N, C-alpha and C. Protein backbone atom coordinates (compact mmCIF):
# COMPACT_ATOMS: atom_id res chain seq x y z
N UNK A 1 2.36 -6.32 -50.18
CA UNK A 1 2.08 -6.57 -48.76
C UNK A 1 0.57 -6.65 -48.56
N UNK A 2 0.14 -7.64 -47.79
CA UNK A 2 -1.30 -7.83 -47.57
C UNK A 2 -1.94 -6.59 -46.96
N UNK A 3 -2.98 -6.12 -47.61
CA UNK A 3 -3.74 -5.01 -47.07
C UNK A 3 -3.27 -3.64 -47.50
N UNK A 4 -2.12 -3.52 -48.19
CA UNK A 4 -1.69 -2.18 -48.61
C UNK A 4 -2.44 -1.77 -49.87
N UNK A 5 -2.16 -0.56 -50.36
CA UNK A 5 -2.93 -0.02 -51.48
C UNK A 5 -2.79 -0.87 -52.74
N UNK A 6 -1.59 -1.32 -53.04
CA UNK A 6 -1.38 -2.15 -54.22
C UNK A 6 -2.12 -3.47 -54.13
N UNK A 7 -2.14 -4.06 -52.93
CA UNK A 7 -2.86 -5.31 -52.74
C UNK A 7 -4.35 -5.12 -52.95
N UNK A 8 -4.89 -4.04 -52.38
CA UNK A 8 -6.32 -3.76 -52.54
C UNK A 8 -6.66 -3.46 -54.00
N UNK A 9 -5.76 -2.76 -54.69
CA UNK A 9 -5.99 -2.48 -56.10
C UNK A 9 -6.06 -3.77 -56.91
N UNK A 10 -5.13 -4.68 -56.64
CA UNK A 10 -5.12 -5.96 -57.34
C UNK A 10 -6.38 -6.75 -57.05
N UNK A 11 -6.87 -6.71 -55.84
CA UNK A 11 -8.09 -7.43 -55.48
C UNK A 11 -9.30 -6.85 -56.20
N UNK A 12 -9.38 -5.53 -56.30
CA UNK A 12 -10.49 -4.90 -57.00
C UNK A 12 -10.47 -5.25 -58.49
N UNK A 13 -9.30 -5.18 -59.10
CA UNK A 13 -9.20 -5.47 -60.53
C UNK A 13 -9.49 -6.94 -60.82
N UNK A 14 -9.21 -7.81 -59.84
CA UNK A 14 -9.46 -9.23 -60.06
C UNK A 14 -10.94 -9.56 -60.14
N UNK A 15 -11.79 -8.66 -59.65
CA UNK A 15 -13.23 -8.91 -59.70
C UNK A 15 -13.85 -8.45 -61.02
N UNK A 16 -13.09 -7.72 -61.82
CA UNK A 16 -13.60 -7.22 -63.10
C UNK A 16 -13.32 -8.21 -64.22
N UNK A 17 -14.24 -8.32 -65.17
CA UNK A 17 -13.97 -9.21 -66.33
C UNK A 17 -12.74 -8.73 -67.09
N UNK A 18 -11.80 -9.62 -67.35
CA UNK A 18 -10.54 -9.24 -67.98
C UNK A 18 -10.73 -8.72 -69.41
N UNK A 19 -11.80 -9.15 -70.07
CA UNK A 19 -11.99 -8.74 -71.47
C UNK A 19 -12.54 -7.33 -71.62
N UNK A 20 -12.93 -6.72 -70.49
CA UNK A 20 -13.50 -5.38 -70.57
C UNK A 20 -12.43 -4.31 -70.74
N UNK A 21 -11.23 -4.56 -70.27
CA UNK A 21 -10.21 -3.52 -70.23
C UNK A 21 -8.91 -4.04 -70.81
N UNK A 22 -8.10 -3.14 -71.33
CA UNK A 22 -6.80 -3.50 -71.87
C UNK A 22 -5.84 -3.84 -70.73
N UNK A 23 -4.71 -4.42 -71.07
CA UNK A 23 -3.71 -4.76 -70.05
C UNK A 23 -3.22 -3.53 -69.32
N UNK A 24 -3.08 -2.41 -70.03
CA UNK A 24 -2.68 -1.15 -69.42
C UNK A 24 -3.85 -0.20 -69.47
N UNK A 25 -4.38 0.15 -68.28
CA UNK A 25 -5.56 1.01 -68.20
C UNK A 25 -5.31 2.08 -67.15
N UNK A 26 -4.59 3.16 -67.49
CA UNK A 26 -4.23 4.18 -66.48
C UNK A 26 -5.44 4.87 -65.87
N UNK A 27 -6.46 5.11 -66.66
CA UNK A 27 -7.66 5.79 -66.12
C UNK A 27 -8.36 4.89 -65.11
N UNK A 28 -8.51 3.60 -65.48
CA UNK A 28 -9.13 2.64 -64.55
C UNK A 28 -8.28 2.49 -63.28
N UNK A 29 -6.96 2.38 -63.47
CA UNK A 29 -6.08 2.24 -62.30
C UNK A 29 -6.17 3.45 -61.38
N UNK A 30 -6.26 4.64 -61.99
CA UNK A 30 -6.35 5.85 -61.17
C UNK A 30 -7.63 5.87 -60.35
N UNK A 31 -8.75 5.48 -60.97
CA UNK A 31 -10.03 5.49 -60.26
C UNK A 31 -10.05 4.44 -59.15
N UNK A 32 -9.57 3.24 -59.48
CA UNK A 32 -9.59 2.17 -58.49
C UNK A 32 -8.56 2.39 -57.38
N UNK A 33 -7.48 3.11 -57.70
CA UNK A 33 -6.46 3.37 -56.67
C UNK A 33 -7.03 4.21 -55.53
N UNK A 34 -7.92 5.14 -55.85
CA UNK A 34 -8.56 5.94 -54.79
C UNK A 34 -9.40 5.07 -53.87
N UNK A 35 -10.16 4.13 -54.47
CA UNK A 35 -10.96 3.21 -53.65
C UNK A 35 -10.04 2.29 -52.85
N UNK A 36 -8.96 1.82 -53.51
CA UNK A 36 -8.03 0.92 -52.83
C UNK A 36 -7.37 1.60 -51.63
N UNK A 37 -7.08 2.89 -51.74
CA UNK A 37 -6.47 3.61 -50.62
C UNK A 37 -7.41 3.61 -49.42
N UNK A 38 -8.70 3.86 -49.67
CA UNK A 38 -9.67 3.86 -48.58
C UNK A 38 -9.80 2.50 -47.92
N UNK A 39 -9.84 1.43 -48.72
CA UNK A 39 -9.93 0.08 -48.15
C UNK A 39 -8.66 -0.29 -47.41
N UNK A 40 -7.52 0.16 -47.90
CA UNK A 40 -6.26 -0.12 -47.22
C UNK A 40 -6.24 0.57 -45.86
N UNK A 41 -6.72 1.79 -45.80
CA UNK A 41 -6.77 2.52 -44.52
C UNK A 41 -7.69 1.81 -43.54
N UNK A 42 -8.82 1.32 -44.00
CA UNK A 42 -9.75 0.60 -43.13
C UNK A 42 -9.14 -0.72 -42.64
N UNK A 43 -8.39 -1.38 -43.51
CA UNK A 43 -7.75 -2.65 -43.12
C UNK A 43 -6.71 -2.41 -42.03
N UNK A 44 -5.89 -1.38 -42.19
CA UNK A 44 -4.90 -1.06 -41.16
C UNK A 44 -5.56 -0.66 -39.85
N UNK A 45 -6.69 0.05 -39.94
CA UNK A 45 -7.42 0.42 -38.73
C UNK A 45 -7.97 -0.82 -38.04
N UNK A 46 -8.44 -1.80 -38.82
CA UNK A 46 -8.95 -3.03 -38.25
C UNK A 46 -7.85 -3.78 -37.50
N UNK A 47 -6.66 -3.87 -38.11
CA UNK A 47 -5.53 -4.54 -37.45
C UNK A 47 -5.17 -3.82 -36.15
N UNK A 48 -5.11 -2.49 -36.21
CA UNK A 48 -4.77 -1.70 -35.02
C UNK A 48 -5.81 -1.89 -33.92
N UNK A 49 -7.09 -1.90 -34.32
CA UNK A 49 -8.17 -2.06 -33.34
C UNK A 49 -8.11 -3.43 -32.68
N UNK A 50 -7.81 -4.45 -33.45
CA UNK A 50 -7.74 -5.80 -32.88
C UNK A 50 -6.61 -5.90 -31.86
N UNK A 51 -5.51 -5.20 -32.08
CA UNK A 51 -4.41 -5.20 -31.11
C UNK A 51 -4.83 -4.63 -29.77
N UNK A 52 -5.75 -3.67 -29.78
CA UNK A 52 -6.11 -2.98 -28.55
C UNK A 52 -7.08 -3.76 -27.68
N UNK A 53 -7.51 -4.95 -28.13
CA UNK A 53 -8.46 -5.75 -27.37
C UNK A 53 -7.80 -6.64 -26.33
N UNK A 54 -6.47 -6.68 -26.29
CA UNK A 54 -5.74 -7.52 -25.35
C UNK A 54 -4.62 -6.72 -24.71
N UNK A 55 -4.42 -6.94 -23.42
CA UNK A 55 -3.34 -6.24 -22.72
C UNK A 55 -1.98 -6.57 -23.33
N UNK A 56 -1.81 -7.81 -23.78
CA UNK A 56 -0.51 -8.25 -24.31
C UNK A 56 -0.12 -7.51 -25.58
N UNK A 57 -1.10 -6.94 -26.30
CA UNK A 57 -0.79 -6.29 -27.58
C UNK A 57 -1.22 -4.83 -27.64
N UNK A 58 -1.93 -4.34 -26.62
CA UNK A 58 -2.44 -2.97 -26.64
C UNK A 58 -1.30 -1.96 -26.65
N UNK A 59 -1.54 -0.81 -27.26
CA UNK A 59 -0.53 0.24 -27.36
C UNK A 59 -1.15 1.60 -27.11
N UNK A 60 -0.28 2.59 -27.01
CA UNK A 60 -0.70 4.00 -26.95
C UNK A 60 -1.68 4.25 -25.80
N UNK A 61 -2.65 5.09 -26.04
CA UNK A 61 -3.58 5.48 -24.97
C UNK A 61 -4.50 4.34 -24.54
N UNK A 62 -4.58 3.27 -25.36
CA UNK A 62 -5.43 2.14 -24.97
C UNK A 62 -4.86 1.43 -23.75
N UNK A 63 -3.53 1.43 -23.60
CA UNK A 63 -2.93 0.87 -22.39
C UNK A 63 -3.36 1.67 -21.17
N UNK A 64 -3.41 2.99 -21.31
CA UNK A 64 -3.85 3.83 -20.20
C UNK A 64 -5.31 3.54 -19.85
N UNK A 65 -6.13 3.28 -20.87
CA UNK A 65 -7.54 2.97 -20.62
C UNK A 65 -7.70 1.62 -19.92
N UNK A 66 -6.87 0.64 -20.30
CA UNK A 66 -6.91 -0.66 -19.64
C UNK A 66 -6.55 -0.51 -18.17
N UNK A 67 -5.49 0.26 -17.89
CA UNK A 67 -5.08 0.49 -16.50
C UNK A 67 -6.18 1.19 -15.72
N UNK A 68 -6.86 2.14 -16.36
CA UNK A 68 -7.94 2.85 -15.68
C UNK A 68 -9.14 1.93 -15.42
N UNK A 69 -9.44 1.05 -16.37
CA UNK A 69 -10.58 0.14 -16.21
C UNK A 69 -10.37 -0.82 -15.05
N UNK A 70 -9.17 -1.38 -14.93
CA UNK A 70 -8.92 -2.41 -13.92
C UNK A 70 -8.42 -1.84 -12.59
N UNK A 71 -7.68 -0.72 -12.65
CA UNK A 71 -6.99 -0.25 -11.45
C UNK A 71 -7.36 1.17 -11.07
N UNK A 72 -8.38 1.72 -11.73
CA UNK A 72 -8.79 3.11 -11.48
C UNK A 72 -7.59 4.03 -11.70
N UNK A 73 -7.30 4.89 -10.75
CA UNK A 73 -6.18 5.83 -10.94
C UNK A 73 -4.95 5.42 -10.14
N UNK A 74 -4.85 4.13 -9.76
CA UNK A 74 -3.75 3.68 -8.91
C UNK A 74 -2.46 3.42 -9.68
N UNK A 75 -2.53 3.33 -11.01
CA UNK A 75 -1.32 3.00 -11.76
C UNK A 75 -1.24 3.84 -13.04
N UNK A 76 -1.04 5.15 -12.90
CA UNK A 76 -0.92 5.99 -14.10
C UNK A 76 0.41 5.76 -14.80
N UNK A 77 0.45 6.10 -16.07
CA UNK A 77 1.70 6.00 -16.83
C UNK A 77 2.65 7.09 -16.37
N UNK A 78 3.92 6.73 -16.19
CA UNK A 78 4.92 7.72 -15.79
C UNK A 78 5.34 8.56 -17.00
N UNK A 79 5.99 9.66 -16.72
CA UNK A 79 6.42 10.57 -17.79
C UNK A 79 7.35 9.83 -18.75
N UNK A 80 7.00 9.85 -20.04
CA UNK A 80 7.81 9.24 -21.10
C UNK A 80 8.01 7.74 -20.92
N UNK A 81 7.12 7.07 -20.20
CA UNK A 81 7.24 5.63 -20.01
C UNK A 81 6.80 4.90 -21.28
N UNK A 82 7.62 4.03 -21.84
CA UNK A 82 7.26 3.32 -23.07
C UNK A 82 6.17 2.29 -22.83
N UNK A 83 5.51 1.88 -23.90
CA UNK A 83 4.40 0.93 -23.80
C UNK A 83 4.82 -0.38 -23.15
N UNK A 84 5.97 -0.92 -23.56
CA UNK A 84 6.40 -2.24 -23.06
C UNK A 84 6.56 -2.23 -21.54
N UNK A 85 7.18 -1.18 -21.01
CA UNK A 85 7.40 -1.11 -19.56
C UNK A 85 6.09 -0.91 -18.82
N UNK A 86 5.22 -0.07 -19.37
CA UNK A 86 3.92 0.18 -18.73
C UNK A 86 3.07 -1.09 -18.76
N UNK A 87 3.09 -1.81 -19.88
CA UNK A 87 2.33 -3.06 -19.98
C UNK A 87 2.80 -4.07 -18.95
N UNK A 88 4.11 -4.13 -18.73
CA UNK A 88 4.66 -5.05 -17.73
C UNK A 88 4.20 -4.68 -16.33
N UNK A 89 4.17 -3.39 -16.03
CA UNK A 89 3.72 -2.95 -14.69
C UNK A 89 2.24 -3.27 -14.49
N UNK A 90 1.43 -3.08 -15.52
CA UNK A 90 0.00 -3.39 -15.42
C UNK A 90 -0.20 -4.88 -15.17
N UNK A 91 0.53 -5.72 -15.91
CA UNK A 91 0.39 -7.17 -15.76
C UNK A 91 0.75 -7.61 -14.35
N UNK A 92 1.85 -7.07 -13.81
CA UNK A 92 2.24 -7.44 -12.44
C UNK A 92 1.19 -7.00 -11.44
N UNK A 93 0.61 -5.82 -11.65
CA UNK A 93 -0.35 -5.29 -10.69
C UNK A 93 -1.66 -6.07 -10.72
N UNK A 94 -2.07 -6.55 -11.89
CA UNK A 94 -3.31 -7.31 -12.00
C UNK A 94 -3.22 -8.63 -11.23
N UNK A 95 -2.02 -9.22 -11.18
CA UNK A 95 -1.82 -10.50 -10.51
C UNK A 95 -1.08 -10.35 -9.18
N UNK A 96 -1.11 -9.16 -8.65
CA UNK A 96 -0.34 -8.85 -7.45
C UNK A 96 -0.86 -9.60 -6.23
N UNK A 97 0.07 -10.25 -5.49
CA UNK A 97 -0.28 -10.82 -4.19
C UNK A 97 -0.50 -9.67 -3.21
N UNK A 98 -1.49 -9.81 -2.35
CA UNK A 98 -1.80 -8.74 -1.40
C UNK A 98 -2.05 -9.33 -0.01
N UNK A 99 -1.94 -8.47 0.99
CA UNK A 99 -2.30 -8.86 2.34
C UNK A 99 -1.27 -9.67 3.08
N UNK A 100 -0.06 -9.79 2.55
CA UNK A 100 0.99 -10.56 3.23
C UNK A 100 2.26 -9.74 3.33
N UNK A 101 3.16 -10.20 4.17
CA UNK A 101 4.46 -9.56 4.32
C UNK A 101 5.25 -9.66 3.00
N UNK A 102 5.19 -10.84 2.39
CA UNK A 102 5.89 -11.03 1.12
C UNK A 102 5.36 -10.08 0.05
N UNK A 103 4.05 -9.83 0.06
CA UNK A 103 3.46 -8.92 -0.91
C UNK A 103 3.97 -7.49 -0.71
N UNK A 104 4.10 -7.09 0.55
CA UNK A 104 4.60 -5.75 0.86
C UNK A 104 6.04 -5.58 0.38
N UNK A 105 6.88 -6.56 0.65
CA UNK A 105 8.28 -6.49 0.22
C UNK A 105 8.37 -6.48 -1.30
N UNK A 106 7.57 -7.34 -1.94
CA UNK A 106 7.63 -7.46 -3.39
C UNK A 106 7.18 -6.19 -4.09
N UNK A 107 6.10 -5.57 -3.61
CA UNK A 107 5.57 -4.40 -4.30
C UNK A 107 6.52 -3.21 -4.18
N UNK A 108 7.17 -3.06 -3.03
CA UNK A 108 8.12 -1.96 -2.86
C UNK A 108 9.39 -2.21 -3.66
N UNK A 109 9.80 -3.46 -3.75
CA UNK A 109 10.98 -3.80 -4.55
C UNK A 109 10.71 -3.53 -6.03
N UNK A 110 9.50 -3.91 -6.49
CA UNK A 110 9.14 -3.64 -7.88
C UNK A 110 9.08 -2.14 -8.17
N UNK A 111 8.58 -1.38 -7.21
CA UNK A 111 8.39 0.05 -7.42
C UNK A 111 9.71 0.81 -7.43
N UNK A 112 10.56 0.54 -6.45
CA UNK A 112 11.77 1.36 -6.26
C UNK A 112 13.05 0.65 -6.70
N UNK A 113 12.99 -0.66 -6.86
CA UNK A 113 14.20 -1.39 -7.18
C UNK A 113 15.08 -1.65 -5.97
N UNK A 114 14.57 -1.35 -4.76
CA UNK A 114 15.35 -1.52 -3.54
C UNK A 114 14.50 -2.28 -2.51
N UNK A 115 15.10 -3.23 -1.83
CA UNK A 115 14.37 -4.08 -0.89
C UNK A 115 14.13 -3.32 0.42
N UNK A 116 12.89 -3.24 0.88
CA UNK A 116 12.61 -2.51 2.13
C UNK A 116 12.93 -3.36 3.35
N UNK A 117 12.93 -2.71 4.51
CA UNK A 117 13.09 -3.40 5.79
C UNK A 117 11.73 -3.42 6.47
N UNK A 118 11.29 -4.59 6.88
CA UNK A 118 9.99 -4.75 7.54
C UNK A 118 10.22 -5.37 8.91
N UNK A 119 9.72 -4.73 9.94
CA UNK A 119 9.83 -5.24 11.31
C UNK A 119 8.44 -5.38 11.90
N UNK A 120 8.08 -6.61 12.29
CA UNK A 120 6.82 -6.85 12.98
C UNK A 120 7.14 -7.08 14.46
N UNK A 121 6.73 -6.17 15.34
CA UNK A 121 7.10 -6.29 16.75
C UNK A 121 6.54 -7.52 17.45
N UNK A 122 5.54 -8.17 16.88
CA UNK A 122 4.97 -9.37 17.49
C UNK A 122 5.50 -10.64 16.83
N UNK A 123 6.52 -10.51 16.01
CA UNK A 123 7.07 -11.67 15.30
C UNK A 123 8.47 -11.97 15.82
N UNK A 124 8.65 -13.09 16.54
CA UNK A 124 9.95 -13.40 17.13
C UNK A 124 11.09 -13.47 16.11
N UNK A 125 10.78 -13.87 14.87
CA UNK A 125 11.83 -13.94 13.86
C UNK A 125 12.41 -12.57 13.56
N UNK A 126 11.63 -11.50 13.80
CA UNK A 126 12.12 -10.14 13.58
C UNK A 126 12.78 -9.55 14.82
N UNK A 127 12.27 -9.92 15.99
CA UNK A 127 12.72 -9.26 17.21
C UNK A 127 13.76 -10.05 17.99
N UNK A 128 13.82 -11.34 17.72
CA UNK A 128 14.68 -12.19 18.54
C UNK A 128 13.95 -12.65 19.79
N UNK A 129 14.52 -13.60 20.51
CA UNK A 129 13.88 -14.13 21.71
C UNK A 129 14.95 -14.62 22.68
N UNK A 130 14.61 -14.57 23.99
CA UNK A 130 15.55 -15.06 25.00
C UNK A 130 15.79 -16.56 24.81
N UNK A 131 17.04 -16.95 24.91
CA UNK A 131 17.45 -18.35 24.80
C UNK A 131 17.18 -18.91 23.40
N UNK A 132 16.96 -18.02 22.42
CA UNK A 132 16.75 -18.47 21.06
C UNK A 132 17.98 -18.18 20.21
N UNK A 133 17.86 -18.43 18.93
CA UNK A 133 18.98 -18.17 18.03
C UNK A 133 19.31 -16.68 17.97
N UNK A 134 18.28 -15.86 18.14
CA UNK A 134 18.49 -14.42 18.21
C UNK A 134 18.38 -14.00 19.66
N UNK A 135 19.33 -13.21 20.11
CA UNK A 135 19.31 -12.82 21.50
C UNK A 135 19.50 -11.32 21.68
N UNK A 136 19.40 -10.87 22.92
CA UNK A 136 19.54 -9.45 23.22
C UNK A 136 20.91 -8.95 22.76
N UNK A 137 20.90 -7.84 22.01
CA UNK A 137 22.14 -7.25 21.55
C UNK A 137 22.76 -7.95 20.35
N UNK A 138 22.07 -8.94 19.79
CA UNK A 138 22.62 -9.69 18.66
C UNK A 138 22.00 -9.24 17.35
N UNK A 139 20.69 -9.30 17.25
CA UNK A 139 20.01 -8.91 16.00
C UNK A 139 18.56 -8.60 16.31
N UNK A 140 17.86 -8.05 15.32
CA UNK A 140 16.44 -7.78 15.47
C UNK A 140 16.16 -6.46 16.15
N UNK A 141 14.92 -6.27 16.64
CA UNK A 141 14.52 -5.04 17.30
C UNK A 141 13.64 -5.35 18.48
N UNK A 142 13.21 -4.32 19.17
CA UNK A 142 12.37 -4.52 20.34
C UNK A 142 11.02 -5.08 19.91
N UNK A 143 10.59 -6.13 20.59
CA UNK A 143 9.30 -6.73 20.30
C UNK A 143 8.25 -6.31 21.30
N UNK A 144 7.00 -6.46 20.91
CA UNK A 144 5.90 -6.12 21.81
C UNK A 144 4.63 -6.77 21.32
N UNK A 145 3.93 -7.43 22.22
CA UNK A 145 2.63 -8.00 21.88
C UNK A 145 1.52 -6.96 22.01
N UNK A 146 1.89 -5.74 22.40
CA UNK A 146 0.91 -4.66 22.51
C UNK A 146 0.67 -3.98 21.17
N UNK A 147 1.34 -4.45 20.12
CA UNK A 147 1.18 -3.85 18.80
C UNK A 147 0.74 -4.92 17.78
N UNK A 148 -0.41 -5.51 17.99
CA UNK A 148 -0.86 -6.55 17.05
C UNK A 148 -1.26 -5.94 15.71
N UNK A 149 -1.07 -6.71 14.65
CA UNK A 149 -1.46 -6.30 13.29
C UNK A 149 -0.79 -4.98 12.88
N UNK A 150 0.43 -4.78 13.38
CA UNK A 150 1.18 -3.58 13.04
C UNK A 150 2.61 -3.96 12.65
N UNK A 151 3.21 -3.13 11.81
CA UNK A 151 4.60 -3.35 11.43
C UNK A 151 5.26 -2.01 11.16
N UNK A 152 6.59 -2.03 11.20
CA UNK A 152 7.38 -0.84 10.91
C UNK A 152 8.13 -1.08 9.59
N UNK A 153 7.97 -0.16 8.67
CA UNK A 153 8.52 -0.33 7.32
C UNK A 153 9.51 0.79 7.03
N UNK A 154 10.68 0.42 6.56
CA UNK A 154 11.63 1.40 6.04
C UNK A 154 11.68 1.20 4.53
N UNK A 155 11.10 2.13 3.79
CA UNK A 155 11.09 2.07 2.33
C UNK A 155 12.16 3.01 1.80
N UNK A 156 12.81 2.60 0.73
CA UNK A 156 13.90 3.39 0.16
C UNK A 156 13.46 4.00 -1.17
N UNK A 157 13.82 5.26 -1.35
CA UNK A 157 13.51 5.93 -2.61
C UNK A 157 14.34 5.30 -3.74
N UNK A 158 13.76 5.35 -4.93
CA UNK A 158 14.47 4.82 -6.10
C UNK A 158 15.69 5.69 -6.38
N UNK A 159 16.73 5.07 -6.86
CA UNK A 159 17.95 5.80 -7.20
C UNK A 159 17.78 6.39 -8.59
N UNK A 160 17.62 7.71 -8.66
CA UNK A 160 17.38 8.39 -9.92
C UNK A 160 18.65 8.63 -10.70
N UNK A 161 18.45 9.05 -11.95
CA UNK A 161 19.59 9.29 -12.81
C UNK A 161 19.86 10.76 -13.08
N UNK A 162 19.28 11.64 -12.28
CA UNK A 162 19.50 13.06 -12.48
C UNK A 162 18.63 13.63 -13.59
N UNK A 163 18.94 14.85 -14.00
CA UNK A 163 18.19 15.55 -15.04
C UNK A 163 19.09 15.73 -16.24
N UNK A 164 18.68 15.21 -17.35
CA UNK A 164 19.52 15.25 -18.54
C UNK A 164 19.81 16.69 -18.98
N UNK A 165 21.02 16.93 -19.45
CA UNK A 165 21.45 18.21 -20.03
C UNK A 165 21.56 19.33 -19.02
N UNK A 166 21.49 19.04 -17.72
CA UNK A 166 21.62 20.07 -16.69
C UNK A 166 22.85 19.75 -15.84
N UNK A 167 23.70 20.75 -15.65
CA UNK A 167 24.91 20.55 -14.87
C UNK A 167 24.58 20.41 -13.39
N UNK A 168 25.36 19.62 -12.68
CA UNK A 168 25.16 19.45 -11.25
C UNK A 168 25.58 20.70 -10.48
N UNK A 169 25.11 20.81 -9.24
CA UNK A 169 25.41 21.99 -8.43
C UNK A 169 26.92 22.06 -8.18
N UNK A 170 27.50 23.20 -8.50
CA UNK A 170 28.91 23.39 -8.29
C UNK A 170 29.78 22.86 -9.39
N UNK A 171 29.16 22.22 -10.41
CA UNK A 171 29.95 21.67 -11.50
C UNK A 171 30.06 22.67 -12.63
N UNK A 172 31.10 22.55 -13.45
CA UNK A 172 31.27 23.50 -14.55
C UNK A 172 30.30 23.23 -15.68
N UNK A 173 29.88 24.29 -16.34
CA UNK A 173 29.02 24.15 -17.51
C UNK A 173 29.89 23.98 -18.75
N UNK A 174 29.27 23.50 -19.82
CA UNK A 174 30.00 23.33 -21.06
C UNK A 174 30.79 22.04 -21.09
N UNK A 175 31.41 21.79 -22.19
CA UNK A 175 32.23 20.58 -22.37
C UNK A 175 31.45 19.32 -22.01
N UNK A 176 30.17 19.29 -22.42
CA UNK A 176 29.36 18.10 -22.20
C UNK A 176 28.77 17.98 -20.81
N UNK A 177 29.02 18.96 -19.94
CA UNK A 177 28.50 18.88 -18.57
C UNK A 177 27.11 19.46 -18.43
N UNK A 178 26.58 20.04 -19.48
CA UNK A 178 25.22 20.55 -19.42
C UNK A 178 25.16 22.02 -19.08
N UNK A 179 23.96 22.57 -19.23
CA UNK A 179 23.74 23.99 -18.95
C UNK A 179 23.51 24.21 -17.46
N UNK A 180 23.55 25.49 -17.06
CA UNK A 180 23.26 25.87 -15.68
C UNK A 180 21.86 26.47 -15.64
N UNK A 181 20.98 25.93 -14.81
CA UNK A 181 19.65 26.49 -14.65
C UNK A 181 19.03 25.94 -13.38
N UNK A 182 17.97 26.61 -12.91
CA UNK A 182 17.25 26.11 -11.76
C UNK A 182 16.48 24.87 -12.17
N UNK A 183 16.41 23.89 -11.28
CA UNK A 183 15.72 22.64 -11.58
C UNK A 183 14.87 22.25 -10.37
N UNK A 184 13.98 21.32 -10.59
CA UNK A 184 13.13 20.81 -9.51
C UNK A 184 12.96 19.31 -9.69
N UNK A 185 12.42 18.66 -8.65
CA UNK A 185 12.19 17.22 -8.72
C UNK A 185 11.19 16.85 -9.81
N UNK A 186 10.33 17.81 -10.18
CA UNK A 186 9.34 17.54 -11.21
C UNK A 186 9.98 17.29 -12.57
N UNK A 187 11.25 17.70 -12.74
CA UNK A 187 11.94 17.54 -14.01
C UNK A 187 12.58 16.16 -14.15
N UNK A 188 12.55 15.37 -13.09
CA UNK A 188 13.13 14.04 -13.15
C UNK A 188 12.18 13.12 -13.89
N UNK A 189 12.63 12.53 -14.99
CA UNK A 189 11.80 11.66 -15.79
C UNK A 189 11.48 10.38 -15.03
N UNK A 190 10.18 10.05 -14.94
CA UNK A 190 9.78 8.84 -14.26
C UNK A 190 10.02 8.86 -12.76
N UNK A 191 10.10 10.05 -12.17
CA UNK A 191 10.38 10.17 -10.75
C UNK A 191 9.28 9.50 -9.92
N UNK A 192 9.69 8.67 -8.94
CA UNK A 192 8.74 8.02 -8.04
C UNK A 192 8.63 8.88 -6.79
N UNK A 193 7.47 9.40 -6.52
CA UNK A 193 7.27 10.32 -5.41
C UNK A 193 7.05 9.54 -4.11
N UNK A 194 7.23 10.25 -3.00
CA UNK A 194 6.96 9.65 -1.69
C UNK A 194 5.48 9.30 -1.57
N UNK A 195 4.61 10.12 -2.16
CA UNK A 195 3.18 9.84 -2.11
C UNK A 195 2.86 8.52 -2.82
N UNK A 196 3.57 8.25 -3.93
CA UNK A 196 3.35 7.00 -4.65
C UNK A 196 3.80 5.80 -3.82
N UNK A 197 4.91 5.97 -3.09
CA UNK A 197 5.38 4.89 -2.22
C UNK A 197 4.36 4.60 -1.13
N UNK A 198 3.82 5.65 -0.51
CA UNK A 198 2.84 5.46 0.56
C UNK A 198 1.56 4.82 0.03
N UNK A 199 1.12 5.27 -1.15
CA UNK A 199 -0.10 4.72 -1.74
C UNK A 199 0.10 3.25 -2.11
N UNK A 200 1.30 2.91 -2.55
CA UNK A 200 1.60 1.53 -2.92
C UNK A 200 1.55 0.62 -1.70
N UNK A 201 2.08 1.10 -0.58
CA UNK A 201 2.03 0.31 0.66
C UNK A 201 0.59 0.11 1.10
N UNK A 202 -0.20 1.17 1.06
CA UNK A 202 -1.59 1.08 1.47
C UNK A 202 -2.37 0.11 0.58
N UNK A 203 -1.95 -0.01 -0.68
CA UNK A 203 -2.67 -0.85 -1.62
C UNK A 203 -2.52 -2.34 -1.38
N UNK A 204 -1.50 -2.76 -0.62
CA UNK A 204 -1.29 -4.19 -0.38
C UNK A 204 -1.48 -4.57 1.09
N UNK A 205 -1.64 -3.60 1.97
CA UNK A 205 -1.80 -3.91 3.38
C UNK A 205 -3.20 -4.47 3.65
N UNK A 206 -3.30 -5.42 4.59
CA UNK A 206 -4.63 -5.95 4.94
C UNK A 206 -5.48 -4.88 5.62
N UNK A 207 -6.78 -5.04 5.54
CA UNK A 207 -7.69 -4.13 6.22
C UNK A 207 -7.46 -4.20 7.73
N UNK A 208 -7.45 -3.05 8.38
CA UNK A 208 -7.29 -2.91 9.83
C UNK A 208 -5.86 -3.15 10.28
N UNK A 209 -4.91 -3.34 9.36
CA UNK A 209 -3.50 -3.44 9.72
C UNK A 209 -2.83 -2.09 9.51
N UNK A 210 -1.77 -1.83 10.26
CA UNK A 210 -1.08 -0.55 10.21
C UNK A 210 0.38 -0.77 9.84
N UNK A 211 0.86 0.00 8.89
CA UNK A 211 2.29 -0.02 8.54
C UNK A 211 2.87 1.35 8.86
N UNK A 212 3.59 1.45 9.97
CA UNK A 212 4.28 2.68 10.32
C UNK A 212 5.49 2.81 9.40
N UNK A 213 5.51 3.84 8.58
CA UNK A 213 6.47 3.90 7.48
C UNK A 213 7.37 5.12 7.56
N UNK A 214 8.63 4.87 7.27
CA UNK A 214 9.57 5.97 7.03
C UNK A 214 10.20 5.73 5.67
N UNK A 215 10.49 6.84 4.97
CA UNK A 215 11.08 6.76 3.64
C UNK A 215 12.49 7.33 3.69
N UNK A 216 13.43 6.58 3.20
CA UNK A 216 14.83 6.97 3.31
C UNK A 216 15.49 6.92 1.94
N UNK A 217 16.58 7.66 1.81
CA UNK A 217 17.37 7.60 0.59
C UNK A 217 18.34 6.41 0.61
């Protein structure tokens, strides 16, 4: 394999005059194998380092550094989040549309997996209008031109999968149902907090616009 110890050993031996040594030279092989191991380690380090220069190939803590460089502390890695999923989230965030209604809906859908409800009181398509397709008591909500650059958002929490190996409240322990113990929301792997939802909304809203938000299950 290119770059492994055997490859490096063969490359080193190829630079030596063939008439100097016998076909089988254990002492020479032993000495050169130590050098070959060091060169092989450096070669693997070079390959690894080159991967970390691009978001598409970066791994491990280098992905966290890329997120910090471009997004500060707005997109930390979630607990036990694999590289592929984190890389995808970083890519979406770097090219994220902002400052529009569509951007607000898209970012919350990406975050929670659930489509939010957005009501703009100054938008007839949301509130309905007299003698229009939407009418009183049919659809929409109360409109008002006294609330410019404002909207009401209902964001939904992500549907979690519970806590592995822990029995549910009132459920029997044993027989594959898990142990009984006190648990908290902090034990939920990859849990999306309400604070993260609020920060995500603030990150795409236009300057001087207000999103009155409620978070629901």
